[in-house]
Amino acid sequence: MFLYTTTHGRIRVCDFRESSNFQQRASAEFLIGAIKPNKTPTVFDKWLVSVSGACFVPGFDHLVVSRDYLHTSLWDLRAASSNTSMVVDEPRVLPIYHAQVTDYMTRSLTSLYDHDSLEDQFFVDVSPDGKHVATGAYNRSGHVMDLHHTTNTAISCKFHQPNGTPVGQLKVYTSSKKLVSTPSPAKGDTADVDLRKRVQLGCWRPTGTNSNNSGQTLALVFRNCIYLY
C-alpha cells in the first residue's frame, strides 16, 4: 500500500492488490475541502486545500496524517470513501481532527497571494513511536503536536544555542486568532511573520525508541543549517 497527495486537496491511498491502475482507482480517499464543506468559496481556496504531504502513522495502519497550507489533519482509513474514482461530487469524510499551524495567516491571504507565498509547502512527519507529529512553519520555526491534539509546541531554529537549551514554546493566540509573540510584560502585541524565514524540511530519526530517547530526535532544516532536537 502507498499514498500520494495532490494540489487539488486529495489524499489517495492505493493498494496494488486491488488494482494496478492507481490513477483511476483508490482504496481510500480524503478531501481537504471536507473540513469546512459549507464555507463560502474564495479565490484562495485552490491554494489553501493543496496538500504538501501525508504519511501513515507508525503502529496505527488505519491512521494518516496530512499537511495543507493552514493545518495538519488526522484521518481514519476505516471511515474513508472506498473504491473511489476521480469524481468531484462524492461523499466527503471529515478528519478526526485538524490542528491549526499557520491559521493566523488567514487574515493576510491577499498579501500572501501578492508575494506568491500561498504556494509554500511544508513537510509533515510522524515520530517512530506514533505519538507526535512534526511540521514546518514561518518565522524559522517548526511545530510538534501530539497525536491527540492536546499540545502544539513551536520550536524556533536558532543558531549557536547551547546544547540542552529548552527551545519549545506553546502557541498562544489572541481572541482574533492572531499569533502572539513570546510573552513579554512590556509588549503584548501580535508577532510579525517573516515569510522568508520558513522551515520547509525536517524529519524524525527513523529508528525506534530506546532508553536514552534517541529515537525521539527531530531534525529541522532552515536555510543551509540542520537543527537537531
Foldseek 3Di string as FASTA:
>chain_A
DDWDFFLQQKIFAADVVVPPCRQFWGFFMAGQCVQCVPDDDDPLVSLQSTWQDKDAQPPQRQWMWTDGPFWIFIAGNVQGDGGDGPDDPDDHDHTPDIGTDVVLCVVPVVVCVVVVNSNAAKDWEAFNVRFWIKIKDFPQWIWIATPVRPFIWIFHDDPPDDPPDDGTDTWDADPVRATFPDDDPVDTDGDDTDSLFMFRDKYFDNDDQDDVRNSRWIWIDTDPDIDID
